[in-house]
Amino acid sequence: MSMDEAAAILGLSPYMSNERLWEIKTGRIVPDDISDKPYVKYGTEAERYLRELFALDYPQYTVYYKDFDVIRNPDYPFIFATLDGELSEMDGSEPFPLVRRNGVLEIKTTEIMQSNQWDDWNDKIPQHYYIQILHQLLATGCEFAILKAQIKWHKDGKLNLTTRHYHIEREDVPDDLDHLLKEEIKFWDCVQQNKRPDTKLPPI
């Protein structure tokens, strides 16, 4: 499963239910092609520039990127990730800095259409994006992840932009990682056994 599917497995995706995902995985339905959607095209085009900007702003990290590179969890190969960037946190030693830790760079572009959407971004990450980050950590085994989010909105007919960064340490979220891993394993078993999963409903 990919990171976009992880939130659906928990019933927390704003775009797809866990049952619909199961129907796609078992070949009952064909997923919608959204590659031509303007917001998808914008995110794809903006990603490389935002990655380069991150590298300039945070020189303590070395940023790597490979097109179409798939990383799989060695114990659960159905859990995979394609990263917006791989991070090496350097120790700052001279003249040859050493790698201290490895991390994930995730890049998001989004537009605020209603004022209450800001609630999802104030001092936290929107829930479905948080689950995606957890999935990336499960797939890669990395020790941390950074989400770089470009948020845009219109006010009085003018475009506004802000960029936010969110840092997640693996050691801070062990229970969430364990829960997601168990749910992904359970869902994949349903796919393998061709058994429809119980409906997951988002919290009210």
N, C-alpha and C. Protein backbone atom coordinates (compact mmCIF):
# COMPACT_ATOMS: atom_id res chain seq x y z
N MET A 1 0.82 -1.20 0.00
CA MET A 1 0.00 0.00 0.00
C MET A 1 0.86 1.26 0.00
N SER A 2 0.34 2.30 -0.60
CA SER A 2 1.06 3.56 -0.65
C SER A 2 0.58 4.46 0.48
N MET A 3 1.26 5.59 0.66
CA MET A 3 0.90 6.49 1.75
C MET A 3 -0.49 7.08 1.53
N ASP A 4 -0.90 7.30 0.27
CA ASP A 4 -2.21 7.87 0.00
C ASP A 4 -3.32 6.92 0.43
N GLU A 5 -3.01 5.64 0.53
CA GLU A 5 -4.01 4.65 0.89
C GLU A 5 -4.08 4.41 2.39
N ALA A 6 -3.05 4.84 3.12
CA ALA A 6 -2.98 4.54 4.55
C ALA A 6 -4.14 5.17 5.32
N ALA A 7 -4.48 6.42 5.01
CA ALA A 7 -5.58 7.08 5.72
C ALA A 7 -6.91 6.40 5.41
N ALA A 8 -7.07 5.92 4.19
CA ALA A 8 -8.30 5.21 3.81
C ALA A 8 -8.46 3.93 4.62
N ILE A 9 -7.36 3.24 4.87
CA ILE A 9 -7.41 2.01 5.65
C ILE A 9 -7.96 2.27 7.04
N LEU A 10 -7.65 3.44 7.61
CA LEU A 10 -8.13 3.80 8.94
C LEU A 10 -9.49 4.49 8.90
N GLY A 11 -10.05 4.68 7.70
CA GLY A 11 -11.32 5.39 7.59
C GLY A 11 -11.19 6.87 7.79
N LEU A 12 -10.00 7.42 7.55
CA LEU A 12 -9.74 8.84 7.81
C LEU A 12 -9.36 9.62 6.56
N SER A 13 -9.54 9.02 5.39
CA SER A 13 -9.25 9.74 4.15
C SER A 13 -10.44 10.59 3.75
N PRO A 14 -10.22 11.84 3.36
CA PRO A 14 -11.33 12.66 2.87
C PRO A 14 -11.73 12.31 1.45
N TYR A 15 -11.01 11.39 0.81
CA TYR A 15 -11.23 11.09 -0.60
C TYR A 15 -11.73 9.68 -0.88
N MET A 16 -11.51 8.74 0.04
CA MET A 16 -11.82 7.35 -0.25
C MET A 16 -12.09 6.57 1.03
N SER A 17 -13.08 5.68 1.00
CA SER A 17 -13.35 4.82 2.14
C SER A 17 -12.45 3.59 2.10
N ASN A 18 -12.36 2.89 3.22
CA ASN A 18 -11.55 1.68 3.24
C ASN A 18 -12.18 0.58 2.37
N GLU A 19 -13.51 0.58 2.25
CA GLU A 19 -14.16 -0.42 1.41
C GLU A 19 -13.90 -0.16 -0.07
N ARG A 20 -13.91 1.10 -0.46
CA ARG A 20 -13.61 1.41 -1.86
C ARG A 20 -12.17 1.04 -2.19
N LEU A 21 -11.25 1.31 -1.26
CA LEU A 21 -9.86 0.93 -1.48
C LEU A 21 -9.75 -0.58 -1.65
N TRP A 22 -10.46 -1.33 -0.82
CA TRP A 22 -10.44 -2.79 -0.94
C TRP A 22 -10.98 -3.24 -2.29
N GLU A 23 -12.02 -2.57 -2.77
CA GLU A 23 -12.58 -2.91 -4.08
C GLU A 23 -11.58 -2.65 -5.20
N ILE A 24 -10.78 -1.60 -5.05
CA ILE A 24 -9.73 -1.30 -6.03
C ILE A 24 -8.64 -2.36 -5.97
N LYS A 25 -8.21 -2.68 -4.76
CA LYS A 25 -7.11 -3.63 -4.59
C LYS A 25 -7.49 -5.04 -5.05
N THR A 26 -8.75 -5.38 -4.96
CA THR A 26 -9.19 -6.71 -5.38
C THR A 26 -9.71 -6.72 -6.81
N GLY A 27 -9.54 -5.60 -7.53
CA GLY A 27 -9.89 -5.55 -8.95
C GLY A 27 -11.36 -5.43 -9.25
N ARG A 28 -12.15 -5.08 -8.26
CA ARG A 28 -13.58 -4.95 -8.48
C ARG A 28 -13.95 -3.65 -9.20
N ILE A 29 -13.16 -2.62 -8.95
CA ILE A 29 -13.38 -1.34 -9.63
C ILE A 29 -12.03 -0.79 -10.05
N VAL A 30 -12.06 0.14 -10.99
CA VAL A 30 -10.84 0.80 -11.48
C VAL A 30 -10.75 2.17 -10.82
N PRO A 31 -9.60 2.53 -10.26
CA PRO A 31 -9.49 3.83 -9.60
C PRO A 31 -9.61 4.98 -10.60
N ASP A 32 -10.11 6.09 -10.11
CA ASP A 32 -10.23 7.29 -10.95
C ASP A 32 -8.84 7.81 -11.31
N ASP A 33 -8.69 8.28 -12.53
CA ASP A 33 -7.44 8.90 -12.98
C ASP A 33 -7.52 10.40 -12.69
N ILE A 34 -6.73 10.87 -11.72
CA ILE A 34 -6.78 12.28 -11.35
C ILE A 34 -5.53 13.02 -11.81
N SER A 35 -4.72 12.39 -12.65
CA SER A 35 -3.43 13.00 -13.04
C SER A 35 -3.61 14.30 -13.80
N ASP A 36 -4.77 14.51 -14.44
CA ASP A 36 -4.99 15.73 -15.20
C ASP A 36 -5.66 16.83 -14.38
N LYS A 37 -5.96 16.56 -13.12
CA LYS A 37 -6.59 17.58 -12.27
C LYS A 37 -5.61 18.73 -12.04
N PRO A 38 -6.10 19.96 -12.12
CA PRO A 38 -5.18 21.11 -11.96
C PRO A 38 -4.38 21.08 -10.67
N TYR A 39 -5.01 20.70 -9.56
CA TYR A 39 -4.29 20.71 -8.28
C TYR A 39 -3.21 19.64 -8.25
N VAL A 40 -3.42 18.53 -8.95
CA VAL A 40 -2.41 17.48 -9.02
C VAL A 40 -1.24 17.96 -9.87
N LYS A 41 -1.54 18.56 -11.02
CA LYS A 41 -0.48 19.08 -11.88
C LYS A 41 0.35 20.14 -11.16
N TYR A 42 -0.34 21.02 -10.43
CA TYR A 42 0.36 22.08 -9.70
C TYR A 42 1.31 21.48 -8.67
N GLY A 43 0.80 20.51 -7.88
CA GLY A 43 1.63 19.89 -6.86
C GLY A 43 2.84 19.19 -7.44
N THR A 44 2.65 18.52 -8.58
CA THR A 44 3.75 17.81 -9.23
C THR A 44 4.81 18.79 -9.72
N GLU A 45 4.37 19.89 -10.34
CA GLU A 45 5.32 20.87 -10.87
C GLU A 45 6.05 21.63 -9.76
N ALA A 46 5.32 21.91 -8.68
CA ALA A 46 5.90 22.71 -7.60
C ALA A 46 6.88 21.93 -6.75
N GLU A 47 6.74 20.61 -6.74
CA GLU A 47 7.50 19.78 -5.80
C GLU A 47 9.02 19.99 -5.92
N ARG A 48 9.55 19.98 -7.13
CA ARG A 48 11.01 20.07 -7.26
C ARG A 48 11.54 21.41 -6.80
N TYR A 49 10.76 22.48 -7.01
CA TYR A 49 11.20 23.80 -6.57
C TYR A 49 11.17 23.91 -5.04
N LEU A 50 10.14 23.34 -4.43
CA LEU A 50 10.03 23.36 -2.98
C LEU A 50 11.12 22.49 -2.34
N ARG A 51 11.47 21.40 -2.99
CA ARG A 51 12.55 20.55 -2.50
C ARG A 51 13.88 21.31 -2.54
N GLU A 52 14.14 22.01 -3.63
CA GLU A 52 15.37 22.78 -3.75
C GLU A 52 15.40 23.91 -2.73
N LEU A 53 14.26 24.53 -2.49
CA LEU A 53 14.19 25.59 -1.50
C LEU A 53 14.46 25.05 -0.10
N PHE A 54 13.92 23.88 0.19
CA PHE A 54 14.19 23.26 1.49
C PHE A 54 15.69 23.03 1.66
N ALA A 55 16.34 22.52 0.64
CA ALA A 55 17.78 22.26 0.72
C ALA A 55 18.57 23.55 0.98
N LEU A 56 18.13 24.66 0.40
CA LEU A 56 18.81 25.94 0.63
C LEU A 56 18.58 26.45 2.05
N ASP A 57 17.36 26.28 2.53
CA ASP A 57 17.01 26.82 3.86
C ASP A 57 17.52 25.96 5.01
N TYR A 58 17.75 24.68 4.76
CA TYR A 58 18.15 23.76 5.84
C TYR A 58 19.43 23.01 5.42
N PRO A 59 20.57 23.71 5.43
CA PRO A 59 21.82 23.10 4.97
C PRO A 59 22.32 21.98 5.88
N GLN A 60 21.72 21.83 7.06
CA GLN A 60 22.15 20.73 7.94
C GLN A 60 21.69 19.37 7.43
N TYR A 61 20.84 19.39 6.39
CA TYR A 61 20.39 18.16 5.77
C TYR A 61 20.92 18.06 4.33
N THR A 62 21.33 16.87 3.95
CA THR A 62 21.58 16.59 2.55
C THR A 62 20.32 15.95 1.99
N VAL A 63 19.85 16.48 0.85
CA VAL A 63 18.59 16.04 0.27
C VAL A 63 18.87 15.22 -0.98
N TYR A 64 18.28 14.03 -1.02
CA TYR A 64 18.41 13.16 -2.19
C TYR A 64 17.03 12.94 -2.78
N TYR A 65 16.99 12.77 -4.10
CA TYR A 65 15.73 12.45 -4.75
C TYR A 65 15.99 11.58 -5.97
N LYS A 66 15.18 10.53 -6.11
CA LYS A 66 15.26 9.65 -7.27
C LYS A 66 13.85 9.48 -7.84
N ASP A 67 13.72 9.74 -9.14
CA ASP A 67 12.43 9.53 -9.80
C ASP A 67 12.01 8.07 -9.71
N PHE A 68 10.76 7.86 -9.33
CA PHE A 68 10.14 6.53 -9.35
C PHE A 68 10.87 5.51 -8.48
N ASP A 69 11.61 5.98 -7.49
CA ASP A 69 12.30 5.05 -6.59
C ASP A 69 11.31 4.56 -5.54
N VAL A 70 11.15 3.25 -5.43
CA VAL A 70 10.20 2.65 -4.50
C VAL A 70 10.96 2.00 -3.36
N ILE A 71 10.61 2.36 -2.13
CA ILE A 71 11.22 1.77 -0.95
C ILE A 71 10.16 0.92 -0.25
N ARG A 72 10.52 -0.32 0.08
CA ARG A 72 9.57 -1.24 0.70
C ARG A 72 10.04 -1.65 2.10
N ASN A 73 9.08 -1.81 2.97
CA ASN A 73 9.38 -2.35 4.28
C ASN A 73 9.91 -3.78 4.09
N PRO A 74 11.09 -4.11 4.64
CA PRO A 74 11.66 -5.43 4.37
C PRO A 74 10.84 -6.59 4.93
N ASP A 75 10.09 -6.35 5.99
CA ASP A 75 9.28 -7.42 6.60
C ASP A 75 7.87 -7.48 6.01
N TYR A 76 7.39 -6.34 5.53
CA TYR A 76 6.04 -6.26 4.96
C TYR A 76 6.13 -5.52 3.62
N PRO A 77 6.55 -6.21 2.56
CA PRO A 77 6.82 -5.54 1.29
C PRO A 77 5.60 -4.89 0.63
N PHE A 78 4.39 -5.21 1.11
CA PHE A 78 3.20 -4.53 0.58
C PHE A 78 3.10 -3.10 1.11
N ILE A 79 3.93 -2.75 2.08
CA ILE A 79 4.00 -1.37 2.58
C ILE A 79 5.17 -0.70 1.88
N PHE A 80 4.88 0.24 0.98
CA PHE A 80 5.95 0.86 0.20
C PHE A 80 5.78 2.37 0.16
N ALA A 81 6.84 3.04 -0.27
CA ALA A 81 6.83 4.50 -0.32
C ALA A 81 7.63 4.98 -1.52
N THR A 82 7.14 6.03 -2.14
CA THR A 82 7.93 6.82 -3.10
C THR A 82 8.07 8.21 -2.47
N LEU A 83 9.29 8.61 -2.22
CA LEU A 83 9.53 9.79 -1.40
C LEU A 83 9.70 11.05 -2.23
N ASP A 84 9.25 12.18 -1.64
CA ASP A 84 9.53 13.48 -2.24
C ASP A 84 10.98 13.87 -2.01
N GLY A 85 11.60 13.28 -1.00
CA GLY A 85 13.00 13.53 -0.73
C GLY A 85 13.49 12.63 0.39
N GLU A 86 14.74 12.19 0.29
CA GLU A 86 15.40 11.46 1.37
C GLU A 86 16.37 12.42 2.03
N LEU A 87 16.38 12.42 3.37
CA LEU A 87 17.21 13.36 4.12
C LEU A 87 18.32 12.63 4.87
N SER A 88 19.49 13.20 4.83
CA SER A 88 20.58 12.78 5.71
C SER A 88 20.91 13.96 6.61
N GLU A 89 20.76 13.75 7.90
CA GLU A 89 21.08 14.80 8.87
C GLU A 89 22.57 14.72 9.17
N MET A 90 23.29 15.80 8.86
CA MET A 90 24.75 15.80 8.99
C MET A 90 25.16 16.30 10.37
N ASP A 91 26.33 15.87 10.84
CA ASP A 91 26.77 16.23 12.19
C ASP A 91 27.52 17.56 12.25
N GLY A 92 27.78 18.17 11.11
CA GLY A 92 28.42 19.48 11.12
C GLY A 92 29.92 19.46 11.27
N SER A 93 30.54 18.28 11.32
CA SER A 93 31.99 18.22 11.47
C SER A 93 32.68 18.66 10.18
N GLU A 94 33.85 19.22 10.31
CA GLU A 94 34.62 19.70 9.16
C GLU A 94 35.93 18.94 9.07
N PRO A 95 36.48 18.73 7.88
CA PRO A 95 35.93 19.18 6.58
C PRO A 95 34.98 18.16 5.95
N PHE A 96 34.80 17.03 6.62
CA PHE A 96 33.97 15.97 6.03
C PHE A 96 32.86 15.60 7.02
N PRO A 97 31.72 16.28 6.93
CA PRO A 97 30.61 15.96 7.85
C PRO A 97 30.11 14.54 7.66
N LEU A 98 29.69 13.95 8.77
CA LEU A 98 29.19 12.57 8.77
C LEU A 98 27.68 12.55 8.92
N VAL A 99 27.07 11.48 8.44
CA VAL A 99 25.62 11.34 8.55
C VAL A 99 25.28 10.88 9.96
N ARG A 100 24.43 11.63 10.64
CA ARG A 100 23.97 11.24 11.97
C ARG A 100 22.74 10.35 11.87
N ARG A 101 21.74 10.81 11.06
CA ARG A 101 20.48 10.07 10.98
C ARG A 101 19.89 10.26 9.59
N ASN A 102 18.95 9.38 9.24
CA ASN A 102 18.25 9.48 7.96
C ASN A 102 16.78 9.79 8.19
N GLY A 103 16.22 10.57 7.26
CA GLY A 103 14.83 10.99 7.41
C GLY A 103 14.11 11.08 6.09
N VAL A 104 12.84 11.43 6.19
CA VAL A 104 11.93 11.55 5.05
C VAL A 104 11.55 13.01 4.88
N LEU A 105 11.56 13.50 3.65
CA LEU A 105 11.01 14.81 3.33
C LEU A 105 9.71 14.60 2.58
N GLU A 106 8.63 15.15 3.11
CA GLU A 106 7.33 15.08 2.44
C GLU A 106 6.91 16.51 2.10
N ILE A 107 6.45 16.71 0.86
CA ILE A 107 6.08 18.04 0.38
C ILE A 107 4.61 18.05 0.02
N LYS A 108 3.90 19.06 0.53
CA LYS A 108 2.49 19.21 0.24
C LYS A 108 2.21 20.63 -0.27
N THR A 109 1.31 20.72 -1.24
CA THR A 109 0.77 22.01 -1.65
C THR A 109 -0.74 21.92 -1.48
N THR A 110 -1.31 22.93 -0.86
CA THR A 110 -2.75 22.89 -0.62
C THR A 110 -3.30 24.31 -0.67
N GLU A 111 -4.60 24.40 -0.87
CA GLU A 111 -5.27 25.70 -0.91
C GLU A 111 -6.41 25.71 0.09
N ILE A 112 -6.45 26.77 0.89
CA ILE A 112 -7.52 26.94 1.87
C ILE A 112 -8.72 27.57 1.16
N MET A 113 -9.83 26.86 1.17
CA MET A 113 -11.05 27.35 0.52
C MET A 113 -12.06 27.89 1.52
N GLN A 114 -11.99 27.39 2.75
CA GLN A 114 -12.89 27.83 3.82
C GLN A 114 -12.07 28.12 5.07
N SER A 115 -12.49 29.11 5.84
CA SER A 115 -11.69 29.56 6.99
C SER A 115 -11.48 28.45 8.02
N ASN A 116 -12.47 27.55 8.16
CA ASN A 116 -12.32 26.51 9.18
C ASN A 116 -11.24 25.48 8.82
N GLN A 117 -10.77 25.50 7.57
CA GLN A 117 -9.69 24.59 7.19
C GLN A 117 -8.38 24.93 7.88
N TRP A 118 -8.26 26.18 8.33
CA TRP A 118 -7.05 26.57 9.05
C TRP A 118 -6.91 25.77 10.34
N ASP A 119 -8.03 25.34 10.93
CA ASP A 119 -7.96 24.59 12.18
C ASP A 119 -7.10 23.33 12.03
N ASP A 120 -7.11 22.74 10.83
CA ASP A 120 -6.33 21.52 10.61
C ASP A 120 -4.83 21.78 10.56
N TRP A 121 -4.44 23.05 10.35
CA TRP A 121 -3.02 23.37 10.19
C TRP A 121 -2.43 24.11 11.38
N ASN A 122 -3.24 24.54 12.32
CA ASN A 122 -2.74 25.33 13.44
C ASN A 122 -2.06 24.44 14.47
N ASP A 123 -0.75 24.53 14.52
CA ASP A 123 0.08 23.78 15.47
C ASP A 123 -0.07 22.27 15.32
N LYS A 124 -0.48 21.83 14.16
CA LYS A 124 -0.60 20.38 13.91
C LYS A 124 -0.66 20.14 12.41
N ILE A 125 -0.65 18.86 12.05
CA ILE A 125 -0.76 18.44 10.66
C ILE A 125 -2.15 17.88 10.45
N PRO A 126 -2.81 18.18 9.33
CA PRO A 126 -4.10 17.52 9.05
C PRO A 126 -3.96 16.01 9.22
N GLN A 127 -5.00 15.40 9.77
CA GLN A 127 -4.91 14.01 10.20
C GLN A 127 -4.49 13.05 9.09
N HIS A 128 -5.07 13.22 7.89
CA HIS A 128 -4.73 12.28 6.82
C HIS A 128 -3.29 12.46 6.34
N TYR A 129 -2.75 13.69 6.45
CA TYR A 129 -1.35 13.90 6.12
C TYR A 129 -0.45 13.28 7.20
N TYR A 130 -0.85 13.38 8.45
CA TYR A 130 -0.09 12.77 9.54
C TYR A 130 0.02 11.26 9.34
N ILE A 131 -1.07 10.64 8.95
CA ILE A 131 -1.07 9.20 8.70
C ILE A 131 -0.14 8.86 7.54
N GLN A 132 -0.13 9.69 6.52
CA GLN A 132 0.79 9.48 5.40
C GLN A 132 2.24 9.51 5.87
N ILE A 133 2.56 10.44 6.76
CA ILE A 133 3.92 10.53 7.29
C ILE A 133 4.26 9.26 8.07
N LEU A 134 3.33 8.79 8.89
CA LEU A 134 3.57 7.55 9.63
C LEU A 134 3.84 6.40 8.67
N HIS A 135 3.07 6.33 7.59
CA HIS A 135 3.26 5.28 6.60
C HIS A 135 4.66 5.35 5.99
N GLN A 136 5.13 6.55 5.69
CA GLN A 136 6.47 6.70 5.13
C GLN A 136 7.54 6.20 6.11
N LEU A 137 7.33 6.47 7.38
CA LEU A 137 8.28 5.98 8.38
C LEU A 137 8.24 4.45 8.47
N LEU A 138 7.06 3.87 8.36
CA LEU A 138 6.94 2.41 8.37
C LEU A 138 7.65 1.80 7.17
N ALA A 139 7.49 2.41 6.02
CA ALA A 139 8.07 1.85 4.80
C ALA A 139 9.58 1.96 4.78
N THR A 140 10.11 3.05 5.29
CA THR A 140 11.54 3.33 5.15
C THR A 140 12.38 2.96 6.35
N GLY A 141 11.77 2.93 7.53
CA GLY A 141 12.54 2.72 8.75
C GLY A 141 13.30 3.95 9.20
N CYS A 142 13.04 5.10 8.58
CA CYS A 142 13.76 6.33 8.92
C CYS A 142 13.43 6.79 10.34
N GLU A 143 14.32 7.61 10.88
CA GLU A 143 14.21 8.03 12.28
C GLU A 143 13.40 9.31 12.47
N PHE A 144 13.18 10.05 11.40
CA PHE A 144 12.39 11.28 11.50
C PHE A 144 11.80 11.63 10.15
N ALA A 145 10.86 12.54 10.17
CA ALA A 145 10.26 13.04 8.93
C ALA A 145 9.98 14.53 9.07
N ILE A 146 10.10 15.24 7.96
CA ILE A 146 9.77 16.66 7.92
C ILE A 146 8.75 16.88 6.81
N LEU A 147 7.66 17.51 7.17
CA LEU A 147 6.64 17.90 6.20
C LEU A 147 6.81 19.37 5.87
N LYS A 148 7.04 19.66 4.60
CA LYS A 148 7.09 21.04 4.12
C LYS A 148 5.78 21.31 3.39
N ALA A 149 4.98 22.22 3.91
CA ALA A 149 3.66 22.49 3.34
C ALA A 149 3.58 23.92 2.83
N GLN A 150 3.26 24.06 1.56
CA GLN A 150 2.96 25.38 1.00
C GLN A 150 1.45 25.54 0.98
N ILE A 151 0.96 26.52 1.69
CA ILE A 151 -0.48 26.76 1.81
C ILE A 151 -0.81 28.08 1.13
N LYS A 152 -1.80 28.05 0.25
CA LYS A 152 -2.20 29.30 -0.39
C LYS A 152 -3.69 29.55 -0.17
N TRP A 153 -4.04 30.82 -0.18
CA TRP A 153 -5.44 31.20 -0.03
C TRP A 153 -5.65 32.56 -0.67
N HIS A 154 -6.89 32.85 -0.97
CA HIS A 154 -7.24 34.14 -1.58
C HIS A 154 -8.01 35.00 -0.56
N LYS A 155 -7.65 36.25 -0.50
CA LYS A 155 -8.34 37.21 0.36
C LYS A 155 -8.41 38.54 -0.35
N ASP A 156 -9.61 39.07 -0.44
CA ASP A 156 -9.83 40.35 -1.14
C ASP A 156 -9.30 40.30 -2.57
N GLY A 157 -9.47 39.13 -3.18
CA GLY A 157 -9.06 38.97 -4.58
C GLY A 157 -7.58 38.81 -4.79
N LYS A 158 -6.80 38.69 -3.69
CA LYS A 158 -5.36 38.57 -3.81
C LYS A 158 -4.89 37.20 -3.33
N LEU A 159 -3.88 36.66 -4.02
CA LEU A 159 -3.30 35.38 -3.65
C LEU A 159 -2.30 35.57 -2.51
N ASN A 160 -2.40 34.73 -1.49
CA ASN A 160 -1.48 34.74 -0.36
C ASN A 160 -0.83 33.37 -0.23
N LEU A 161 0.41 33.35 0.20
CA LEU A 161 1.15 32.10 0.36
C LEU A 161 1.86 32.09 1.70
N THR A 162 1.88 30.93 2.33
CA THR A 162 2.68 30.73 3.52
C THR A 162 3.26 29.32 3.47
N THR A 163 4.42 29.15 4.06
CA THR A 163 5.06 27.83 4.10
C THR A 163 5.29 27.45 5.55
N ARG A 164 4.94 26.21 5.86
CA ARG A 164 5.12 25.71 7.23
C ARG A 164 5.89 24.40 7.20
N HIS A 165 6.63 24.17 8.27
CA HIS A 165 7.42 22.95 8.41
C HIS A 165 7.04 22.24 9.70
N TYR A 166 6.85 20.95 9.59
CA TYR A 166 6.47 20.12 10.74
C TYR A 166 7.46 18.96 10.85
N HIS A 167 7.97 18.76 12.06
CA HIS A 167 9.01 17.75 12.30
C HIS A 167 8.42 16.65 13.17
N ILE A 168 8.56 15.40 12.73
CA ILE A 168 8.07 14.25 13.49
C ILE A 168 9.23 13.31 13.76
N GLU A 169 9.45 13.00 15.03
CA GLU A 169 10.47 12.05 15.43
C GLU A 169 9.83 10.68 15.62
N ARG A 170 10.46 9.67 15.05
CA ARG A 170 9.94 8.31 15.17
C ARG A 170 9.75 7.91 16.63
N GLU A 171 10.72 8.29 17.45
CA GLU A 171 10.67 7.86 18.85
C GLU A 171 9.52 8.50 19.62
N ASP A 172 8.93 9.55 19.07
CA ASP A 172 7.81 10.22 19.74
C ASP A 172 6.46 9.62 19.42
N VAL A 173 6.38 8.77 18.39
CA VAL A 173 5.07 8.28 17.94
C VAL A 173 5.02 6.75 17.84
N PRO A 174 5.60 6.00 18.78
CA PRO A 174 5.63 4.54 18.63
C PRO A 174 4.24 3.90 18.64
N ASP A 175 3.34 4.41 19.47
CA ASP A 175 2.00 3.82 19.54
C ASP A 175 1.24 4.02 18.24
N ASP A 176 1.36 5.21 17.65
CA ASP A 176 0.67 5.49 16.39
C ASP A 176 1.23 4.61 15.27
N LEU A 177 2.54 4.43 15.27
CA LEU A 177 3.16 3.57 14.26
C LEU A 177 2.71 2.12 14.42
N ASP A 178 2.66 1.64 15.65
CA ASP A 178 2.22 0.27 15.89
C ASP A 178 0.77 0.07 15.45
N HIS A 179 -0.07 1.05 15.75
CA HIS A 179 -1.48 0.94 15.38
C HIS A 179 -1.66 0.91 13.87
N LEU A 180 -0.96 1.80 13.17
CA LEU A 180 -1.08 1.84 11.72
C LEU A 180 -0.55 0.55 11.11
N LEU A 181 0.57 0.05 11.61
CA LEU A 181 1.12 -1.20 11.08
C LEU A 181 0.12 -2.35 11.23
N LYS A 182 -0.49 -2.46 12.38
CA LYS A 182 -1.47 -3.53 12.61
C LYS A 182 -2.65 -3.40 11.66
N GLU A 183 -3.12 -2.18 11.45
CA GLU A 183 -4.27 -1.97 10.57
C GLU A 183 -3.91 -2.24 9.11
N GLU A 184 -2.72 -1.89 8.70
CA GLU A 184 -2.31 -2.16 7.32
C GLU A 184 -2.17 -3.67 7.09
N ILE A 185 -1.61 -4.38 8.06
CA ILE A 185 -1.51 -5.83 7.95
C ILE A 185 -2.89 -6.46 7.88
N LYS A 186 -3.79 -5.99 8.73
CA LYS A 186 -5.15 -6.54 8.75
C LYS A 186 -5.86 -6.28 7.41
N PHE A 187 -5.70 -5.07 6.88
CA PHE A 187 -6.34 -4.75 5.61
C PHE A 187 -5.76 -5.61 4.49
N TRP A 188 -4.43 -5.76 4.46
CA TRP A 188 -3.82 -6.56 3.40
C TRP A 188 -4.26 -8.02 3.47
N ASP A 189 -4.47 -8.52 4.67
CA ASP A 189 -5.00 -9.88 4.81
C ASP A 189 -6.38 -9.98 4.18
N CYS A 190 -7.20 -8.95 4.34
CA CYS A 190 -8.53 -8.94 3.71
C CYS A 190 -8.41 -8.96 2.19
N VAL A 191 -7.43 -8.24 1.66
CA VAL A 191 -7.21 -8.24 0.20
C VAL A 191 -6.78 -9.64 -0.24
N GLN A 192 -5.84 -10.22 0.46
CA GLN A 192 -5.31 -11.53 0.09
C GLN A 192 -6.39 -12.63 0.18
N GLN A 193 -7.26 -12.49 1.16
CA GLN A 193 -8.29 -13.49 1.37
C GLN A 193 -9.59 -13.16 0.62
N ASN A 194 -9.58 -12.04 -0.09
CA ASN A 194 -10.77 -11.59 -0.83
C ASN A 194 -11.97 -11.45 0.11
N LYS A 195 -11.69 -10.93 1.29
CA LYS A 195 -12.72 -10.77 2.32
C LYS A 195 -12.94 -9.29 2.58
N ARG A 196 -14.18 -8.83 2.39
CA ARG A 196 -14.48 -7.40 2.56
C ARG A 196 -14.22 -6.97 4.00
N PRO A 197 -13.48 -5.88 4.18
CA PRO A 197 -13.20 -5.43 5.55
C PRO A 197 -14.42 -4.76 6.18
N ASP A 198 -14.41 -4.70 7.51
CA ASP A 198 -15.45 -3.95 8.20
C ASP A 198 -15.32 -2.47 7.83
N THR A 199 -16.46 -1.80 7.72
CA THR A 199 -16.45 -0.38 7.37
C THR A 199 -15.81 0.44 8.47
N LYS A 200 -14.88 1.30 8.08
CA LYS A 200 -14.25 2.23 9.00
C LYS A 200 -14.89 3.60 8.82
N LEU A 201 -15.49 4.12 9.86
CA LEU A 201 -16.14 5.42 9.78
C LEU A 201 -15.28 6.48 10.46
N PRO A 202 -15.16 7.65 9.85
CA PRO A 202 -14.38 8.72 10.49
C PRO A 202 -15.08 9.19 11.75
N PRO A 203 -14.33 9.71 12.73
CA PRO A 203 -14.96 10.22 13.95
C PRO A 203 -15.86 11.40 13.66
N ILE A 204 -16.92 11.52 14.42
CA ILE A 204 -17.87 12.64 14.23
C ILE A 204 -17.30 13.90 14.87
